[in-house]
Amino acid sequence: MTSVVQGGTAVPAAALPKPGVPWWKMLAPIAAALAIALVPAPEGLPQHAWYFFAIFVGVIVGLMLEPLPGAAVGLIGVSLVTVLSPYVLFGPADLAKAGFKPANAGLTWALSGFSNTVVWLIFAAFMFALGYEKTGLGRRIALWLVKVMGKKTLTLGYAVTIADTLLAPFTPSNTARSGGTVFPVIRNLPALYDSKPNDPSSRRIGGYLMWVAIAATSVTSSMFLTALAPNLLAVELINKTAKVSISWMEWFMAFAPVGIILLIATPLLAYVFYKPEVTGGDEVPNWARGELGKMGGLSGREMGLAVLVVLALALWIWGGDFINATTVAIVVVALMVIGKVVSWDDILANKQAWNTLVWFATLVALADGLNRVGFVKWFADTVGAQMTGFSPTVAMIALVAVFFFTHYLFASVTAHVTAMLPVMLAVGLGIPGMDIRTFAMLLALTLGIMGILTPYATGPSPVYYGSGYIPAKDYWRLGAIFGVIFFTVFLLVSLVWIV
């Protein structure tokens, strides 16, 4: 771990403010937590639960503003709750129990996220993405599709879409999948047609390709449980809050009708709303053919990885009755090391995976804490009482719409899930007649497609926005158009398919 000497003491670099981060961003999470803590607890809610909620809000503000890395923000929040556990985590009844030791119980709670199976599934799936990168299999798949389908701009858009779809089930980071695998391939294509970034020529072909790529990864991120890390976090929160479990296959089958429609429509919609000036040519497939020639034949490591990911997918789909999904992922990672698809040093050097492990483990604990202190039940009872008179279906549609479009306020799907999902589930639980399983499914399935809304909505968004091929005004306009289209199609199909 990199350290910096500050005031004669070695301080972990990750714990220091990011260079150039305004001090108000450092103070805002503290101010938000204090502002809530200083207000008396609402009627019916224990004071310690209100204090916990104050710290939780401070963490969410920190995740939104990111004065420190997200994992550091989560760790600070968990550490603060643990130290103050007699006052924020446990009520008088807990403290009055004979032999009860809040310090030990607080630490057990703090570490509970690190024993969570979903957190380790996320970590293991990051290693699948590492395998794609190290073996070159992901790049080979993308280049082959470009070679086969790149003669026309529209079919090239479909090649980009198919490449993302093929990688999505095994890559829980859409940043790694789209920003790290697809983008490095397609960024070479516009120059072949003299389409330059930050230039009027960007509309020749570059803008179209970049928009198709971010739109496609938004759809695939909703289509597969393992295509977006917050999906897995959402499933865990749904299980803890609403006692509803969702398997890999249930998730896929629920979104598949919507996903297939959107994946077929996305390149065509982009062609209509952001039509490229260049509609075809031989330059792109010729370039891809040359790049594949440089890569040579399929290596043993690539074939080994392909076998392992297919094995993992098959067990995730059909093996749920006899082997846990996390066990499958961990076994496959072990086989990747044994088969030298990746090395142990590669795993140790994967900072994104370890960072995500800490981040999600702390967020799972914090979100579970809201349940533990009784905040979620209190909120459900309070809001549910205010929604009498609304039919369950109308209330469900309205709440899902609110959940989707409030993503304009978030720069992280993870922060959105952590802050909003337990709240929305609590409201649903408080509405008589609400089918909570359907409601929970509808909320969770929007997490990927909401990534289309803004230049900061999901991990790869800044990559494509920063490419220089999509000006800000175009990005916001297209985000709004595609956001409405994606959500409308999702709602119309899901109300028939799921409800």
Protein backbone atom coordinates (compact mmCIF):
# COMPACT_ATOMS: atom_id res chain seq x y z
CA MET A 1 0.00 0.00 0.00
CA THR A 2 1.38 3.41 -0.91
CA SER A 3 1.94 5.73 2.05
CA VAL A 4 2.64 9.42 2.36
CA VAL A 5 4.51 11.00 5.28
CA GLN A 6 2.34 13.73 6.74
CA GLY A 7 3.27 15.49 9.96
CA GLY A 8 5.86 12.83 10.69
CA THR A 9 3.31 10.02 10.35
CA ALA A 10 2.90 7.57 7.48
CA VAL A 11 -0.66 7.91 6.14
CA PRO A 12 -2.12 5.57 3.49
CA ALA A 13 -2.38 7.48 0.21
CA ALA A 14 -5.94 6.22 -0.32
CA ALA A 15 -6.99 7.94 2.90
CA LEU A 16 -5.86 11.36 1.74
CA PRO A 17 -8.09 13.78 -0.19
CA LYS A 18 -7.87 13.43 -3.94
CA PRO A 19 -5.64 16.06 -5.58
CA GLY A 20 -7.65 19.15 -6.36
CA VAL A 21 -10.72 18.08 -4.35
CA PRO A 22 -12.38 21.19 -2.84
CA TRP A 23 -12.50 21.20 0.94
CA TRP A 24 -16.25 21.69 0.87
CA LYS A 25 -16.52 18.18 -0.54
CA MET A 26 -14.59 16.91 2.46
CA LEU A 27 -16.83 18.81 4.86
CA ALA A 28 -20.19 18.13 3.19
CA PRO A 29 -20.59 14.49 4.39
CA ILE A 30 -19.73 15.53 7.96
CA ALA A 31 -22.10 18.49 7.81
CA ALA A 32 -24.92 16.32 6.43
CA ALA A 33 -24.49 13.73 9.19
CA LEU A 34 -24.32 16.37 11.95
CA ALA A 35 -27.31 18.28 10.61
CA ILE A 36 -29.48 15.17 10.84
CA ALA A 37 -28.04 13.97 14.15
CA LEU A 38 -28.79 17.31 15.84
CA VAL A 39 -32.48 17.06 14.93
CA PRO A 40 -34.59 15.05 17.39
CA ALA A 41 -35.61 11.61 16.16
CA PRO A 42 -39.03 11.47 14.47
CA GLU A 43 -41.91 10.06 16.48
CA GLY A 44 -41.82 6.28 16.63
CA LEU A 45 -38.12 5.96 15.75
CA PRO A 46 -35.54 5.21 18.48
CA GLN A 47 -32.88 7.88 18.93
CA HIS A 48 -30.02 5.44 18.25
CA ALA A 49 -31.62 4.49 14.91
CA TRP A 50 -31.80 8.17 13.98
CA TYR A 51 -28.09 8.57 14.77
CA PHE A 52 -27.28 5.54 12.59
CA PHE A 53 -29.34 7.06 9.77
CA ALA A 54 -27.36 10.30 10.12
CA ILE A 55 -24.08 8.45 9.62
CA PHE A 56 -25.60 6.53 6.71
CA VAL A 57 -26.61 9.79 5.00
CA GLY A 58 -23.10 11.14 5.54
CA VAL A 59 -21.69 8.06 3.79
CA ILE A 60 -24.08 8.47 0.86
CA VAL A 61 -23.13 12.13 0.46
CA GLY A 62 -19.49 11.03 0.54
CA LEU A 63 -20.14 8.43 -2.16
CA MET A 64 -21.84 11.05 -4.32
CA LEU A 65 -19.15 13.74 -3.96
CA GLU A 66 -16.18 11.33 -3.61
CA PRO A 67 -13.72 13.51 -1.68
CA LEU A 68 -12.07 10.12 -0.99
CA PRO A 69 -12.35 6.86 -2.91
CA GLY A 70 -15.71 5.14 -2.40
CA ALA A 71 -14.19 2.20 -0.52
CA ALA A 72 -12.49 4.59 1.92
CA VAL A 73 -15.78 6.42 2.51
CA GLY A 74 -17.55 3.14 3.28
CA LEU A 75 -14.77 1.99 5.59
CA ILE A 76 -14.85 5.28 7.49
CA GLY A 77 -18.61 4.97 7.94
CA VAL A 78 -18.41 1.41 9.23
CA SER A 79 -15.52 2.33 11.55
CA LEU A 80 -17.46 5.26 12.99
CA VAL A 81 -20.54 3.12 13.64
CA THR A 82 -18.39 0.44 15.28
CA VAL A 83 -16.72 2.90 17.65
CA LEU A 84 -20.05 4.52 18.52
CA SER A 85 -22.00 1.24 18.49
CA PRO A 86 -23.41 1.62 22.06
CA TYR A 87 -25.10 4.84 20.92
CA VAL A 88 -25.97 4.24 17.25
CA LEU A 89 -26.25 0.49 16.63
CA PHE A 90 -27.80 -0.96 19.78
CA GLY A 91 -30.87 0.11 21.69
CA PRO A 92 -31.53 0.01 25.44
CA ALA A 93 -32.94 -3.52 25.22
CA ASP A 94 -29.71 -4.82 23.65
CA LEU A 95 -27.48 -3.04 26.13
CA ALA A 96 -29.53 -4.35 29.07
CA LYS A 97 -28.93 -8.00 28.18
CA ALA A 98 -26.73 -9.85 30.64
CA GLY A 99 -23.21 -10.34 29.34
CA PHE A 100 -23.85 -8.23 26.23
CA LYS A 101 -20.64 -6.57 25.02
CA PRO A 102 -21.35 -3.81 22.49
CA ALA A 103 -17.71 -3.58 21.44
CA ASN A 104 -17.63 -7.23 20.35
CA ALA A 105 -21.11 -7.13 18.82
CA GLY A 106 -20.23 -3.93 16.96
CA LEU A 107 -17.12 -5.48 15.48
CA THR A 108 -19.06 -8.59 14.43
CA TRP A 109 -21.51 -6.33 12.60
CA ALA A 110 -18.70 -4.32 10.98
CA LEU A 111 -17.08 -7.46 9.55
CA SER A 112 -20.36 -9.08 8.48
CA GLY A 113 -20.11 -7.65 4.96
CA PHE A 114 -16.78 -9.40 4.40
CA SER A 115 -18.42 -12.78 5.04
CA ASN A 116 -21.23 -12.04 2.61
CA THR A 117 -21.35 -14.49 -0.30
CA VAL A 118 -22.48 -11.89 -2.83
CA VAL A 119 -19.50 -9.67 -2.06
CA TRP A 120 -17.15 -12.55 -2.86
CA LEU A 121 -19.10 -13.39 -6.00
CA ILE A 122 -18.50 -9.83 -7.18
CA PHE A 123 -14.80 -10.13 -6.38
CA ALA A 124 -14.47 -13.47 -8.18
CA ALA A 125 -16.29 -12.16 -11.23
CA PHE A 126 -13.77 -9.32 -11.48
CA MET A 127 -11.17 -12.01 -11.97
CA PHE A 128 -13.10 -13.25 -14.99
CA ALA A 129 -12.73 -9.77 -16.46
CA LEU A 130 -9.03 -9.90 -15.63
CA GLY A 131 -8.80 -13.16 -17.58
CA TYR A 132 -10.37 -11.52 -20.64
CA GLU A 133 -7.82 -8.73 -20.42
CA LYS A 134 -4.75 -10.86 -19.77
CA THR A 135 -5.48 -13.50 -22.41
CA GLY A 136 -6.74 -11.03 -25.04
CA LEU A 137 -9.91 -13.07 -25.56
CA GLY A 138 -12.18 -10.06 -25.07
CA ARG A 139 -10.27 -8.01 -27.64
CA ARG A 140 -10.26 -10.93 -30.06
CA ILE A 141 -14.04 -11.30 -29.83
CA ALA A 142 -14.57 -7.58 -30.46
CA LEU A 143 -12.12 -7.47 -33.39
CA TRP A 144 -13.64 -10.55 -35.02
CA LEU A 145 -17.11 -9.04 -34.89
CA VAL A 146 -15.82 -5.77 -36.33
CA LYS A 147 -14.11 -7.67 -39.15
CA VAL A 148 -17.26 -9.62 -39.99
CA MET A 149 -19.83 -6.85 -39.55
CA GLY A 150 -17.88 -3.64 -40.05
CA LYS A 151 -18.48 -2.97 -43.73
CA LYS A 152 -21.62 -0.92 -43.01
CA THR A 153 -21.88 1.57 -40.16
CA LEU A 154 -25.22 0.19 -38.97
CA THR A 155 -23.98 -3.40 -38.83
CA LEU A 156 -20.83 -2.10 -37.15
CA GLY A 157 -23.14 -0.74 -34.44
CA TYR A 158 -24.57 -4.23 -34.08
CA ALA A 159 -21.06 -5.67 -33.86
CA VAL A 160 -20.31 -3.36 -30.93
CA THR A 161 -23.59 -4.38 -29.30
CA ILE A 162 -22.98 -8.11 -29.78
CA ALA A 163 -19.43 -7.84 -28.43
CA ASP A 164 -20.69 -6.23 -25.22
CA THR A 165 -23.48 -8.81 -24.93
CA LEU A 166 -21.07 -11.74 -25.24
CA LEU A 167 -18.79 -10.34 -22.55
CA ALA A 168 -21.52 -9.14 -20.19
CA PRO A 169 -22.47 -12.37 -18.33
CA PHE A 170 -18.88 -12.78 -17.12
CA THR A 171 -17.91 -9.16 -16.49
CA PRO A 172 -19.60 -7.54 -13.46
CA SER A 173 -17.84 -4.25 -14.13
CA ASN A 174 -19.29 -2.49 -17.16
CA THR A 175 -16.33 -0.14 -16.84
CA ALA A 176 -13.95 -3.06 -17.42
CA ARG A 177 -16.18 -4.54 -20.12
CA SER A 178 -17.09 -1.47 -22.14
CA GLY A 179 -14.51 1.07 -21.06
CA GLY A 180 -11.64 -1.42 -20.82
CA THR A 181 -12.34 -3.88 -23.65
CA VAL A 182 -14.79 -2.46 -26.20
CA PHE A 183 -13.69 1.18 -26.13
CA PRO A 184 -9.98 0.49 -26.82
CA VAL A 185 -11.06 -1.30 -30.02
CA ILE A 186 -13.64 1.15 -31.35
CA ARG A 187 -11.62 4.28 -30.57
CA ASN A 188 -9.33 3.28 -33.43
CA LEU A 189 -12.17 3.17 -35.95
CA PRO A 190 -13.25 6.83 -36.44
CA ALA A 191 -9.78 7.90 -37.61
CA LEU A 192 -10.06 5.46 -40.51
CA TYR A 193 -12.81 7.71 -41.87
CA ASP A 194 -11.17 10.99 -40.85
CA SER A 195 -13.62 11.43 -37.96
CA LYS A 196 -11.84 13.41 -35.25
CA PRO A 197 -12.71 14.11 -31.60
CA ASN A 198 -13.71 17.64 -30.55
CA ASP A 199 -14.27 18.51 -34.17
CA PRO A 200 -17.30 18.79 -36.49
CA SER A 201 -16.03 15.63 -38.20
CA SER A 202 -16.88 13.67 -35.04
CA ARG A 203 -20.36 13.15 -36.49
CA ARG A 204 -18.94 11.31 -39.51
CA ILE A 205 -18.89 8.02 -37.58
CA GLY A 206 -17.22 8.52 -34.19
CA GLY A 207 -20.23 9.95 -32.36
CA TYR A 208 -22.49 7.15 -33.56
CA LEU A 209 -20.10 4.40 -32.46
CA MET A 210 -19.50 5.90 -29.04
CA TRP A 211 -23.20 6.35 -28.38
CA VAL A 212 -24.07 2.82 -29.47
CA ALA A 213 -21.37 1.48 -27.17
CA ILE A 214 -22.60 3.27 -24.02
CA ALA A 215 -26.24 2.50 -24.85
CA ALA A 216 -25.51 -1.18 -25.47
CA THR A 217 -23.60 -1.63 -22.22
CA SER A 218 -26.46 0.02 -20.34
CA VAL A 219 -28.86 -2.61 -21.70
CA THR A 220 -26.55 -5.57 -21.10
CA SER A 221 -25.89 -4.31 -17.58
CA SER A 222 -29.57 -4.87 -16.83
CA MET A 223 -29.84 -8.12 -18.80
CA PHE A 224 -27.50 -10.25 -16.70
CA LEU A 225 -27.21 -10.38 -12.92
CA THR A 226 -23.43 -10.68 -13.26
CA ALA A 227 -23.06 -7.84 -15.79
CA LEU A 228 -23.05 -5.03 -13.23
CA ALA A 229 -21.69 -5.20 -9.69
CA PRO A 230 -24.55 -3.15 -8.16
CA ASN A 231 -26.99 -5.78 -9.49
CA LEU A 232 -25.49 -8.25 -7.06
CA LEU A 233 -25.59 -5.71 -4.26
CA ALA A 234 -29.25 -5.05 -5.07
CA VAL A 235 -30.10 -8.75 -4.86
CA GLU A 236 -28.49 -8.93 -1.44
CA LEU A 237 -30.32 -5.83 -0.18
CA ILE A 238 -33.62 -7.17 -1.54
CA ASN A 239 -33.03 -10.44 0.28
CA LYS A 240 -32.24 -8.68 3.55
CA THR A 241 -34.96 -6.03 3.33
CA ALA A 242 -37.86 -7.82 1.61
CA LYS A 243 -36.88 -11.48 2.19
CA VAL A 244 -37.04 -12.08 -1.57
CA SER A 245 -34.32 -14.15 -3.26
CA ILE A 246 -33.52 -13.76 -6.97
CA SER A 247 -31.41 -16.31 -8.85
CA TRP A 248 -29.24 -15.68 -11.92
CA MET A 249 -31.76 -17.40 -14.20
CA GLU A 250 -34.77 -15.62 -12.68
CA TRP A 251 -33.07 -12.28 -13.28
CA PHE A 252 -32.20 -13.14 -16.89
CA MET A 253 -35.64 -14.49 -17.74
CA ALA A 254 -37.32 -11.43 -16.23
CA PHE A 255 -35.32 -8.97 -18.35
CA ALA A 256 -34.72 -11.05 -21.49
CA PRO A 257 -37.83 -9.89 -23.44
CA VAL A 258 -36.97 -6.24 -22.73
CA GLY A 259 -33.26 -6.80 -23.33
CA ILE A 260 -33.70 -8.52 -26.68
CA ILE A 261 -35.98 -5.73 -27.92
CA LEU A 262 -33.61 -2.99 -26.76
CA LEU A 263 -30.46 -4.70 -28.06
CA ILE A 264 -32.05 -5.07 -31.49
CA ALA A 265 -33.36 -1.51 -31.43
CA THR A 266 -30.38 0.36 -29.96
CA PRO A 267 -28.06 0.57 -33.03
CA LEU A 268 -31.06 1.46 -35.20
CA LEU A 269 -32.32 4.10 -32.74
CA ALA A 270 -28.85 5.63 -32.61
CA TYR A 271 -28.81 5.60 -36.42
CA VAL A 272 -32.06 7.61 -36.37
CA PHE A 273 -31.32 10.05 -33.53
CA TYR A 274 -27.56 10.45 -34.13
CA LYS A 275 -27.12 9.40 -37.73
CA PRO A 276 -23.53 9.07 -38.91
CA GLU A 277 -22.43 10.82 -42.09
CA VAL A 278 -20.45 7.77 -43.22
CA THR A 279 -22.70 4.78 -43.85
CA GLY A 280 -20.14 2.20 -44.98
CA GLY A 281 -16.69 1.35 -46.29
CA ASP A 282 -13.93 -1.26 -46.28
CA GLU A 283 -11.47 0.52 -43.99
CA VAL A 284 -12.83 -0.80 -40.68
CA PRO A 285 -12.97 -4.55 -41.51
CA ASN A 286 -9.55 -4.30 -43.16
CA TRP A 287 -8.08 -2.71 -40.03
CA ALA A 288 -9.69 -5.34 -37.78
CA ARG A 289 -8.38 -8.11 -40.03
CA GLY A 290 -4.87 -6.69 -39.67
CA GLU A 291 -5.14 -6.46 -35.88
CA LEU A 292 -6.34 -10.06 -35.66
CA GLY A 293 -3.39 -11.09 -37.82
CA LYS A 294 -1.05 -9.46 -35.32
CA MET A 295 -2.69 -11.43 -32.49
CA GLY A 296 -2.09 -14.75 -34.24
CA GLY A 297 -4.08 -17.92 -33.59
CA LEU A 298 -6.22 -18.64 -30.56
CA SER A 299 -3.87 -19.32 -27.66
CA GLY A 300 -4.17 -22.10 -25.13
CA ARG A 301 -4.86 -19.56 -22.38
CA GLU A 302 -7.73 -18.08 -24.40
CA MET A 303 -9.24 -21.51 -25.00
CA GLY A 304 -8.83 -22.39 -21.34
CA LEU A 305 -10.59 -19.20 -20.27
CA ALA A 306 -13.42 -19.81 -22.75
CA VAL A 307 -14.02 -23.29 -21.32
CA LEU A 308 -14.01 -22.00 -17.75
CA VAL A 309 -16.42 -19.12 -18.33
CA VAL A 310 -18.84 -21.40 -20.18
CA LEU A 311 -18.59 -23.85 -17.28
CA ALA A 312 -19.31 -21.05 -14.80
CA LEU A 313 -22.28 -19.79 -16.80
CA ALA A 314 -23.73 -23.31 -17.10
CA LEU A 315 -23.44 -23.88 -13.34
CA TRP A 316 -24.93 -20.47 -12.55
CA ILE A 317 -27.93 -21.28 -14.72
CA TRP A 318 -28.53 -24.97 -13.97
CA GLY A 319 -26.45 -25.82 -10.92
CA GLY A 320 -28.19 -23.73 -8.28
CA ASP A 321 -29.74 -26.76 -6.59
CA PHE A 322 -26.41 -28.38 -5.74
CA ILE A 323 -23.72 -25.68 -5.79
CA ASN A 324 -23.77 -22.07 -4.66
CA ALA A 325 -23.08 -19.39 -7.29
CA THR A 326 -20.25 -17.92 -5.22
CA THR A 327 -18.66 -21.35 -4.83
CA VAL A 328 -18.75 -21.74 -8.60
CA ALA A 329 -17.00 -18.40 -9.09
CA ILE A 330 -14.29 -19.10 -6.50
CA VAL A 331 -13.61 -22.57 -7.95
CA VAL A 332 -13.31 -21.13 -11.45
CA VAL A 333 -10.86 -18.47 -10.22
CA ALA A 334 -8.79 -21.21 -8.59
CA LEU A 335 -8.82 -23.16 -11.88
CA MET A 336 -7.74 -20.00 -13.73
CA VAL A 337 -4.68 -19.78 -11.47
CA ILE A 338 -3.94 -23.52 -11.75
CA GLY A 339 -4.30 -23.35 -15.54
CA LYS A 340 -2.12 -20.21 -15.66
CA VAL A 341 -4.86 -18.21 -17.35
CA VAL A 342 -3.94 -15.57 -14.78
CA SER A 343 -1.19 -15.57 -12.17
CA TRP A 344 -1.54 -14.97 -8.46
CA ASP A 345 0.45 -11.77 -8.90
CA ASP A 346 -2.16 -10.65 -11.45
CA ILE A 347 -4.87 -11.20 -8.85
CA LEU A 348 -2.94 -9.34 -6.16
CA ALA A 349 -2.34 -6.44 -8.55
CA ASN A 350 -6.03 -6.10 -9.49
CA LYS A 351 -6.66 -2.99 -7.40
CA GLN A 352 -10.16 -2.51 -8.80
CA ALA A 353 -11.26 -5.92 -7.53
CA TRP A 354 -9.83 -5.45 -4.03
CA ASN A 355 -11.20 -1.91 -3.89
CA THR A 356 -14.65 -3.20 -4.87
CA LEU A 357 -14.44 -5.96 -2.24
CA VAL A 358 -13.94 -3.39 0.55
CA TRP A 359 -16.47 -0.99 -0.95
CA PHE A 360 -19.30 -3.49 -1.24
CA ALA A 361 -18.56 -5.24 2.05
CA THR A 362 -18.90 -1.96 3.94
CA LEU A 363 -22.01 -0.91 2.02
CA VAL A 364 -23.72 -4.25 2.68
CA ALA A 365 -23.04 -3.83 6.40
CA LEU A 366 -24.30 -0.24 6.44
CA ALA A 367 -27.46 -1.06 4.50
CA ASP A 368 -28.09 -4.03 6.78
CA GLY A 369 -27.66 -1.69 9.73
CA LEU A 370 -30.72 0.28 8.66
CA ASN A 371 -32.73 -2.90 9.08
CA ARG A 372 -31.01 -3.83 12.32
CA VAL A 373 -31.82 -0.54 14.07
CA GLY A 374 -35.44 -0.56 12.87
CA PHE A 375 -35.23 2.40 10.49
CA VAL A 376 -36.55 0.49 7.46
CA LYS A 377 -39.60 -0.82 9.32
CA TRP A 378 -40.38 2.63 10.71
CA PHE A 379 -40.09 4.18 7.27
CA ALA A 380 -42.30 1.49 5.73
CA ASP A 381 -45.01 2.01 8.30
CA THR A 382 -44.86 5.80 7.97
CA VAL A 383 -44.91 6.07 4.19
CA GLY A 384 -47.28 3.15 3.71
CA ALA A 385 -49.85 4.93 5.85
CA GLN A 386 -49.64 7.96 3.55
CA MET A 387 -50.33 5.97 0.38
CA THR A 388 -53.75 4.64 1.23
CA GLY A 389 -56.12 5.12 -1.66
CA PHE A 390 -53.58 4.32 -4.38
CA SER A 391 -53.95 0.97 -6.14
CA PRO A 392 -50.90 -1.28 -5.71
CA THR A 393 -50.23 -1.24 -9.48
CA VAL A 394 -50.33 2.56 -9.75
CA ALA A 395 -48.13 2.92 -6.69
CA MET A 396 -45.68 0.36 -8.09
CA ILE A 397 -45.35 2.16 -11.43
CA ALA A 398 -44.92 5.55 -9.77
CA LEU A 399 -42.26 4.32 -7.36
CA VAL A 400 -40.27 2.54 -10.09
CA ALA A 401 -40.36 5.73 -12.20
CA VAL A 402 -39.13 7.80 -9.26
CA PHE A 403 -36.37 5.27 -8.59
CA PHE A 404 -35.24 5.36 -12.24
CA PHE A 405 -35.23 9.09 -12.88
CA THR A 406 -33.72 10.10 -9.54
CA HIS A 407 -30.54 8.63 -10.97
CA TYR A 408 -29.96 12.09 -12.42
CA LEU A 409 -28.88 12.96 -8.86
CA PHE A 410 -26.32 10.16 -8.58
CA ALA A 411 -22.86 9.72 -10.07
CA SER A 412 -22.72 6.09 -9.01
CA VAL A 413 -25.16 3.21 -9.45
CA THR A 414 -23.74 1.77 -6.23
CA ALA A 415 -24.59 4.92 -4.29
CA HIS A 416 -28.06 4.92 -5.84
CA VAL A 417 -28.68 1.30 -4.84
CA THR A 418 -27.41 1.81 -1.30
CA ALA A 419 -29.37 5.02 -0.70
CA MET A 420 -32.61 4.43 -2.61
CA LEU A 421 -33.32 0.70 -2.87
CA PRO A 422 -33.96 -0.02 0.84
CA VAL A 423 -36.11 3.11 1.00
CA MET A 424 -38.23 2.11 -2.02
CA LEU A 425 -38.59 -1.45 -0.76
CA ALA A 426 -39.67 -0.10 2.60
CA VAL A 427 -42.39 1.97 0.93
CA GLY A 428 -43.55 -1.06 -1.06
CA LEU A 429 -43.72 -3.20 2.06
CA GLY A 430 -45.98 -0.60 3.63
CA ILE A 431 -48.57 -0.63 0.81
CA PRO A 432 -51.39 -3.17 1.28
CA GLY A 433 -51.71 -5.56 -1.65
CA MET A 434 -48.29 -4.76 -3.15
CA ASP A 435 -46.63 -7.77 -4.82
CA ILE A 436 -43.26 -7.17 -3.21
CA ARG A 437 -41.41 -9.73 -5.32
CA THR A 438 -42.54 -8.11 -8.56
CA PHE A 439 -41.85 -4.64 -7.18
CA ALA A 440 -38.35 -5.60 -6.04
CA MET A 441 -37.62 -7.18 -9.42
CA LEU A 442 -38.78 -4.10 -11.32
CA LEU A 443 -36.59 -1.83 -9.21
CA ALA A 444 -33.48 -3.99 -9.58
CA LEU A 445 -33.81 -4.52 -13.32
CA THR A 446 -33.61 -0.78 -14.02
CA LEU A 447 -30.09 -0.42 -12.60
CA GLY A 448 -28.29 -0.99 -15.89
CA ILE A 449 -30.54 0.97 -18.23
CA MET A 450 -30.49 4.04 -15.98
CA GLY A 451 -26.80 4.31 -16.89
CA ILE A 452 -27.80 5.93 -20.19
CA LEU A 453 -29.16 9.11 -18.59
CA THR A 454 -26.12 11.32 -17.97
CA PRO A 455 -22.37 11.64 -18.70
CA TYR A 456 -21.73 10.46 -15.14
CA ALA A 457 -24.53 7.89 -14.72
CA THR A 458 -22.40 4.73 -14.79
CA GLY A 459 -18.72 3.71 -14.86
CA PRO A 460 -18.00 3.86 -18.62
CA SER A 461 -20.08 7.03 -19.18
CA PRO A 462 -17.17 9.41 -18.52
CA VAL A 463 -15.01 7.30 -20.87
CA TYR A 464 -17.32 7.85 -23.84
CA TYR A 465 -18.15 11.42 -22.87
CA GLY A 466 -14.46 12.17 -22.54
CA SER A 467 -13.68 10.64 -25.93
CA GLY A 468 -14.56 13.97 -27.55
CA TYR A 469 -16.96 12.42 -30.06
CA ILE A 470 -20.20 13.30 -28.23
CA PRO A 471 -20.54 16.99 -27.28
CA ALA A 472 -22.18 17.74 -23.93
CA LYS A 473 -25.43 19.07 -25.41
CA ASP A 474 -25.75 15.95 -27.58
CA TYR A 475 -25.01 13.62 -24.68
CA TRP A 476 -27.67 15.17 -22.43
CA ARG A 477 -30.21 15.24 -25.27
CA LEU A 478 -29.57 11.64 -26.29
CA GLY A 479 -29.50 10.53 -22.65
CA ALA A 480 -32.97 11.97 -22.07
CA ILE A 481 -34.37 10.48 -25.29
CA PHE A 482 -32.91 7.03 -24.77
CA GLY A 483 -33.72 7.13 -21.05
CA VAL A 484 -37.40 7.68 -21.79
CA ILE A 485 -37.39 5.04 -24.55
CA PHE A 486 -35.56 2.46 -22.42
CA PHE A 487 -37.81 3.04 -19.41
CA THR A 488 -41.03 3.04 -21.45
CA VAL A 489 -40.17 -0.21 -23.23
CA PHE A 490 -39.06 -1.74 -19.94
CA LEU A 491 -42.28 -0.78 -18.18
CA LEU A 492 -44.65 -1.80 -20.98
CA VAL A 493 -43.04 -5.19 -21.53
CA SER A 494 -42.45 -5.92 -17.85
CA LEU A 495 -46.02 -5.13 -16.85
CA VAL A 496 -47.11 -7.88 -19.24
CA TRP A 497 -44.21 -10.30 -18.70
CA ILE A 498 -43.50 -10.01 -14.98
CA VAL A 499 -46.60 -8.62 -13.27
